[in-house]
Amino acid sequence: PHCSNNNPYASFGATLARDEEQNLWSTPHDVTHTEADDDRVLYNMIVVRNQLDKDSEEWQKLNYDIYTLRQTRKEVRSRWKHILEDLGFQKEADSLLSVTKLSIISDSQNMGKARDILLKLSEETNIFPTSWELSERYLFVVDRLIALDAADEFFKMASVVYPKRPSGERVDDSQKAPQ
């Protein structure tokens, strides 16, 4: 059956330049972001799903998993955006969060610091869901915050807005059914 909508390569040529600025995280047809591990996971799920019969149980399950992963990523991104805007980066929030395969770490000396801050964010705040693997994407974002001298403020704000809950009363966003 011919279903070009589901073919990850369908729009490859014509929209490559535009897609460069978008990503698999929320844009289904982009194929430029399979370098990072978390992108590769999503990409592989999509490829497998597209080989399955739409009526099959496996397709349904995979489709739900892909949907859930995208929703989680959107949620994380909106949490970051919320804090960036609170810190006064209303105009810059989207570009600070935009990571493509052309993105570079501005200063290799910041790499260690960026990793430490990302780790602290993941361990001491609830800005990432519990099951979240540390993402290369947010390493770039933290690097940009370090360059802007705003990384520490970001962490402080994240601690306040998304405090780590005691494990007994954890609210798990990923268990919510799709609307």
C-alpha atoms as a PDB file:
ATOM      1  CA  PRO A   1       0.000   0.000   0.000  1.00  0.00           C
ATOM      2  CA  HIS A   2       1.258   3.456  -0.891  1.00  0.00           C
ATOM      3  CA  CYS A   3       1.281   5.654   2.179  1.00  0.00           C
ATOM      4  CA  SER A   4       3.706   8.477   1.550  1.00  0.00           C
ATOM      5  CA  ASN A   5       2.671  10.305   4.735  1.00  0.00           C
ATOM      6  CA  ASN A   6       4.292   7.658   6.862  1.00  0.00           C
ATOM      7  CA  ASN A   7       7.444   7.401   4.812  1.00  0.00           C
ATOM      8  CA  PRO A   8      10.128   9.242   6.779  1.00  0.00           C
ATOM      9  CA  TYR A   9      11.899  10.020   3.495  1.00  0.00           C
ATOM     10  CA  ALA A  10       8.831  11.209   1.584  1.00  0.00           C
ATOM     11  CA  SER A  11       9.518  14.909   1.932  1.00  0.00           C
ATOM     12  CA  PHE A  12      13.271  14.615   2.174  1.00  0.00           C
ATOM     13  CA  GLY A  13      14.503  16.644  -0.791  1.00  0.00           C
ATOM     14  CA  ALA A  14      12.110  19.543  -0.981  1.00  0.00           C
ATOM     15  CA  THR A  15      11.782  20.303   2.687  1.00  0.00           C
ATOM     16  CA  LEU A  16      15.248  19.492   3.930  1.00  0.00           C
ATOM     17  CA  ALA A  17      16.259  23.118   4.427  1.00  0.00           C
ATOM     18  CA  ARG A  18      13.086  23.952   6.314  1.00  0.00           C
ATOM     19  CA  ASP A  19      13.190  20.756   8.358  1.00  0.00           C
ATOM     20  CA  GLU A  20      16.743  21.504   9.395  1.00  0.00           C
ATOM     21  CA  GLU A  21      15.320  23.907  11.944  1.00  0.00           C
ATOM     22  CA  GLN A  22      12.704  21.436  13.122  1.00  0.00           C
ATOM     23  CA  ASN A  23      13.223  18.039  14.598  1.00  0.00           C
ATOM     24  CA  LEU A  24      11.980  14.561  15.225  1.00  0.00           C
ATOM     25  CA  TRP A  25      10.998  15.602  18.697  1.00  0.00           C
ATOM     26  CA  SER A  26       7.748  17.025  17.519  1.00  0.00           C
ATOM     27  CA  THR A  27       7.950  16.983  13.737  1.00  0.00           C
ATOM     28  CA  PRO A  28       7.175  13.553  12.312  1.00  0.00           C
ATOM     29  CA  HIS A  29       8.740  13.945   8.878  1.00  0.00           C
ATOM     30  CA  ASP A  30      12.161  15.197   9.798  1.00  0.00           C
ATOM     31  CA  VAL A  31      15.066  12.861   9.168  1.00  0.00           C
ATOM     32  CA  THR A  32      17.929  15.184  10.003  1.00  0.00           C
ATOM     33  CA  HIS A  33      18.111  14.469  13.699  1.00  0.00           C
ATOM     34  CA  THR A  34      19.152  10.884  14.109  1.00  0.00           C
ATOM     35  CA  GLU A  35      22.599  11.683  15.502  1.00  0.00           C
ATOM     36  CA  ALA A  36      21.638  11.919  19.160  1.00  0.00           C
ATOM     37  CA  ASP A  37      20.768   8.706  20.988  1.00  0.00           C
ATOM     38  CA  ASP A  38      17.322   9.850  22.034  1.00  0.00           C
ATOM     39  CA  ASP A  39      16.542  10.903  18.465  1.00  0.00           C
ATOM     40  CA  ARG A  40      17.721   7.539  17.198  1.00  0.00           C
ATOM     41  CA  VAL A  41      15.396   5.718  19.593  1.00  0.00           C
ATOM     42  CA  LEU A  42      12.382   7.659  18.333  1.00  0.00           C
ATOM     43  CA  TYR A  43      13.485   7.352  14.711  1.00  0.00           C
ATOM     44  CA  ASN A  44      13.858   3.571  14.993  1.00  0.00           C
ATOM     45  CA  MET A  45      10.409   3.279  16.556  1.00  0.00           C
ATOM     46  CA  ILE A  46       8.961   5.223  13.629  1.00  0.00           C
ATOM     47  CA  VAL A  47      10.746   3.093  11.048  1.00  0.00           C
ATOM     48  CA  VAL A  48       9.530  -0.119  12.677  1.00  0.00           C
ATOM     49  CA  ARG A  49       5.979   1.186  13.018  1.00  0.00           C
ATOM     50  CA  ASN A  50       5.890   2.169   9.358  1.00  0.00           C
ATOM     51  CA  GLN A  51       6.656  -1.404   8.339  1.00  0.00           C
ATOM     52  CA  LEU A  52       3.731  -2.769  10.302  1.00  0.00           C
ATOM     53  CA  ASP A  53       0.123  -3.195   9.250  1.00  0.00           C
ATOM     54  CA  LYS A  54      -1.923  -0.269  10.586  1.00  0.00           C
ATOM     55  CA  ASP A  55      -4.596  -2.629  11.916  1.00  0.00           C
ATOM     56  CA  SER A  56      -2.148  -4.715  13.913  1.00  0.00           C
ATOM     57  CA  GLU A  57      -1.804  -4.590  17.681  1.00  0.00           C
ATOM     58  CA  GLU A  58       1.945  -3.968  17.352  1.00  0.00           C
ATOM     59  CA  TRP A  59       1.287  -0.893  15.201  1.00  0.00           C
ATOM     60  CA  GLN A  60      -1.202   0.455  17.759  1.00  0.00           C
ATOM     61  CA  LYS A  61       1.202  -0.097  20.629  1.00  0.00           C
ATOM     62  CA  LEU A  62       4.171   1.427  18.819  1.00  0.00           C
ATOM     63  CA  ASN A  63       2.084   4.358  17.665  1.00  0.00           C
ATOM     64  CA  TYR A  64       1.061   5.003  21.264  1.00  0.00           C
ATOM     65  CA  ASP A  65       4.679   4.773  22.447  1.00  0.00           C
ATOM     66  CA  ILE A  66       5.777   7.245  19.763  1.00  0.00           C
ATOM     67  CA  TYR A  67       2.952   9.579  20.720  1.00  0.00           C
ATOM     68  CA  THR A  68       3.857   9.310  24.419  1.00  0.00           C
ATOM     69  CA  LEU A  69       7.533   9.963  23.751  1.00  0.00           C
ATOM     70  CA  ARG A  70       6.701  13.049  21.679  1.00  0.00           C
ATOM     71  CA  GLN A  71       4.327  14.332  24.359  1.00  0.00           C
ATOM     72  CA  THR A  72       6.975  13.847  27.036  1.00  0.00           C
ATOM     73  CA  ARG A  73       9.529  15.711  24.956  1.00  0.00           C
ATOM     74  CA  LYS A  74       7.089  18.562  24.304  1.00  0.00           C
ATOM     75  CA  GLU A  75       6.351  18.735  28.021  1.00  0.00           C
ATOM     76  CA  VAL A  76      10.062  18.897  28.900  1.00  0.00           C
ATOM     77  CA  ARG A  77      10.650  21.556  26.262  1.00  0.00           C
ATOM     78  CA  SER A  78       7.765  23.645  27.566  1.00  0.00           C
ATOM     79  CA  ARG A  79       9.153  23.391  31.114  1.00  0.00           C
ATOM     80  CA  TRP A  80      12.512  24.714  29.894  1.00  0.00           C
ATOM     81  CA  LYS A  81      10.802  27.426  27.870  1.00  0.00           C
ATOM     82  CA  HIS A  82       8.723  28.454  30.879  1.00  0.00           C
ATOM     83  CA  ILE A  83      11.853  28.957  33.005  1.00  0.00           C
ATOM     84  CA  LEU A  84      13.746  30.752  30.226  1.00  0.00           C
ATOM     85  CA  GLU A  85      10.839  33.159  29.837  1.00  0.00           C
ATOM     86  CA  ASP A  86      10.683  33.699  33.607  1.00  0.00           C
ATOM     87  CA  LEU A  87      14.389  34.562  33.493  1.00  0.00           C
ATOM     88  CA  GLY A  88      13.653  37.268  30.932  1.00  0.00           C
ATOM     89  CA  PHE A  89      14.525  35.385  27.740  1.00  0.00           C
ATOM     90  CA  GLN A  90      11.058  35.718  26.192  1.00  0.00           C
ATOM     91  CA  LYS A  91      12.355  36.571  22.723  1.00  0.00           C
ATOM     92  CA  GLU A  92      15.303  34.184  22.853  1.00  0.00           C
ATOM     93  CA  ALA A  93      13.628  31.124  24.403  1.00  0.00           C
ATOM     94  CA  ASP A  94      12.868  29.346  21.131  1.00  0.00           C
ATOM     95  CA  SER A  95      16.292  29.919  19.631  1.00  0.00           C
ATOM     96  CA  LEU A  96      17.984  28.892  22.890  1.00  0.00           C
ATOM     97  CA  LEU A  97      16.022  25.637  22.743  1.00  0.00           C
ATOM     98  CA  SER A  98      16.553  25.051  19.031  1.00  0.00           C
ATOM     99  CA  VAL A  99      19.146  22.331  18.544  1.00  0.00           C
ATOM    100  CA  THR A 100      19.939  20.962  15.105  1.00  0.00           C
ATOM    101  CA  LYS A 101      22.748  18.814  13.820  1.00  0.00           C
ATOM    102  CA  LEU A 102      24.553  22.044  12.949  1.00  0.00           C
ATOM    103  CA  SER A 103      24.619  23.147  16.597  1.00  0.00           C
ATOM    104  CA  ILE A 104      28.009  23.303  18.233  1.00  0.00           C
ATOM    105  CA  ILE A 105      29.196  23.611  21.808  1.00  0.00           C
ATOM    106  CA  SER A 106      30.467  27.194  22.039  1.00  0.00           C
ATOM    107  CA  ASP A 107      33.383  26.461  24.314  1.00  0.00           C
ATOM    108  CA  SER A 108      34.739  22.984  24.933  1.00  0.00           C
ATOM    109  CA  GLN A 109      35.841  24.070  28.397  1.00  0.00           C
ATOM    110  CA  ASN A 110      32.195  24.542  29.278  1.00  0.00           C
ATOM    111  CA  MET A 111      31.395  20.947  28.376  1.00  0.00           C
ATOM    112  CA  GLY A 112      32.200  19.570  31.829  1.00  0.00           C
ATOM    113  CA  LYS A 113      30.340  22.366  33.552  1.00  0.00           C
ATOM    114  CA  ALA A 114      27.341  21.935  31.252  1.00  0.00           C
ATOM    115  CA  ARG A 115      27.256  18.203  32.047  1.00  0.00           C
ATOM    116  CA  ASP A 116      27.434  18.880  35.785  1.00  0.00           C
ATOM    117  CA  ILE A 117      24.576  21.373  35.641  1.00  0.00           C
ATOM    118  CA  LEU A 118      22.462  19.028  33.508  1.00  0.00           C
ATOM    119  CA  LEU A 119      23.101  16.214  35.983  1.00  0.00           C
ATOM    120  CA  LYS A 120      22.174  18.496  38.878  1.00  0.00           C
ATOM    121  CA  LEU A 121      18.983  19.517  37.062  1.00  0.00           C
ATOM    122  CA  SER A 122      18.077  15.902  36.530  1.00  0.00           C
ATOM    123  CA  GLU A 123      18.879  14.798  40.091  1.00  0.00           C
ATOM    124  CA  GLU A 124      17.744  17.795  42.127  1.00  0.00           C
ATOM    125  CA  THR A 125      14.758  19.116  40.178  1.00  0.00           C
ATOM    126  CA  ASN A 126      11.751  17.647  38.457  1.00  0.00           C
ATOM    127  CA  ILE A 127      12.309  19.435  35.131  1.00  0.00           C
ATOM    128  CA  PHE A 128      12.808  16.038  33.477  1.00  0.00           C
ATOM    129  CA  PRO A 129      10.410  13.104  33.956  1.00  0.00           C
ATOM    130  CA  THR A 130      11.698  10.298  36.168  1.00  0.00           C
ATOM    131  CA  SER A 131      12.418   7.945  33.278  1.00  0.00           C
ATOM    132  CA  TRP A 132      14.237  10.597  31.240  1.00  0.00           C
ATOM    133  CA  GLU A 133      17.701   9.786  29.959  1.00  0.00           C
ATOM    134  CA  LEU A 134      20.122  12.705  29.971  1.00  0.00           C
ATOM    135  CA  SER A 135      19.748  14.306  26.590  1.00  0.00           C
ATOM    136  CA  GLU A 136      22.520  15.671  24.412  1.00  0.00           C
ATOM    137  CA  ARG A 137      20.046  18.272  23.208  1.00  0.00           C
ATOM    138  CA  TYR A 138      19.853  19.919  26.625  1.00  0.00           C
ATOM    139  CA  LEU A 139      23.620  19.865  26.945  1.00  0.00           C
ATOM    140  CA  PHE A 140      23.658  22.405  24.096  1.00  0.00           C
ATOM    141  CA  VAL A 141      20.997  24.475  25.838  1.00  0.00           C
ATOM    142  CA  VAL A 142      22.928  24.508  29.129  1.00  0.00           C
ATOM    143  CA  ASP A 143      26.092  25.430  27.233  1.00  0.00           C
ATOM    144  CA  ARG A 144      24.260  28.451  25.794  1.00  0.00           C
ATOM    145  CA  LEU A 145      23.052  29.396  29.273  1.00  0.00           C
ATOM    146  CA  ILE A 146      26.626  29.226  30.578  1.00  0.00           C
ATOM    147  CA  ALA A 147      27.725  31.513  27.747  1.00  0.00           C
ATOM    148  CA  LEU A 148      24.945  33.939  28.750  1.00  0.00           C
ATOM    149  CA  ASP A 149      25.974  33.645  32.402  1.00  0.00           C
ATOM    150  CA  ALA A 150      22.468  32.439  33.227  1.00  0.00           C
ATOM    151  CA  ALA A 151      23.021  28.756  34.005  1.00  0.00           C
ATOM    152  CA  ASP A 152      23.029  29.139  37.792  1.00  0.00           C
ATOM    153  CA  GLU A 153      19.887  31.290  37.733  1.00  0.00           C
ATOM    154  CA  PHE A 154      18.242  28.704  35.510  1.00  0.00           C
ATOM    155  CA  PHE A 155      19.060  25.969  38.001  1.00  0.00           C
ATOM    156  CA  LYS A 156      17.778  27.995  40.953  1.00  0.00           C
ATOM    157  CA  MET A 157      14.556  28.784  39.134  1.00  0.00           C
ATOM    158  CA  ALA A 158      14.103  25.150  38.070  1.00  0.00           C
ATOM    159  CA  SER A 159      14.523  24.073  41.702  1.00  0.00           C
ATOM    160  CA  VAL A 160      11.738  26.413  42.730  1.00  0.00           C
ATOM    161  CA  VAL A 161       9.328  25.832  39.841  1.00  0.00           C
ATOM    162  CA  TYR A 162       9.932  22.072  39.477  1.00  0.00           C
ATOM    163  CA  PRO A 163      11.067  20.892  42.910  1.00  0.00           C
ATOM    164  CA  LYS A 164      12.036  17.258  43.301  1.00  0.00           C
ATOM    165  CA  ARG A 165       9.143  15.533  45.010  1.00  0.00           C
ATOM    166  CA  PRO A 166       9.755  13.005  47.764  1.00  0.00           C
ATOM    167  CA  SER A 167       9.626   9.621  46.034  1.00  0.00           C
ATOM    168  CA  GLY A 168       6.531   8.609  47.995  1.00  0.00           C
ATOM    169  CA  GLU A 169       4.334  11.220  46.346  1.00  0.00           C
ATOM    170  CA  ARG A 170       5.696  11.133  42.819  1.00  0.00           C
ATOM    171  CA  VAL A 171       3.279  12.231  40.141  1.00  0.00           C
ATOM    172  CA  ASP A 172       4.063  10.415  36.927  1.00  0.00           C
ATOM    173  CA  ASP A 173       3.034  12.461  33.883  1.00  0.00           C
ATOM    174  CA  SER A 174       3.744   9.653  31.451  1.00  0.00           C
ATOM    175  CA  GLN A 175       0.880   7.538  32.818  1.00  0.00           C
ATOM    176  CA  LYS A 176      -1.767   9.974  31.625  1.00  0.00           C
ATOM    177  CA  ALA A 177      -3.770   8.691  28.686  1.00  0.00           C
ATOM    178  CA  PRO A 178      -3.702  10.796  25.509  1.00  0.00           C
ATOM    179  CA  GLN A 179      -6.618  13.170  25.119  1.00  0.00           C
END
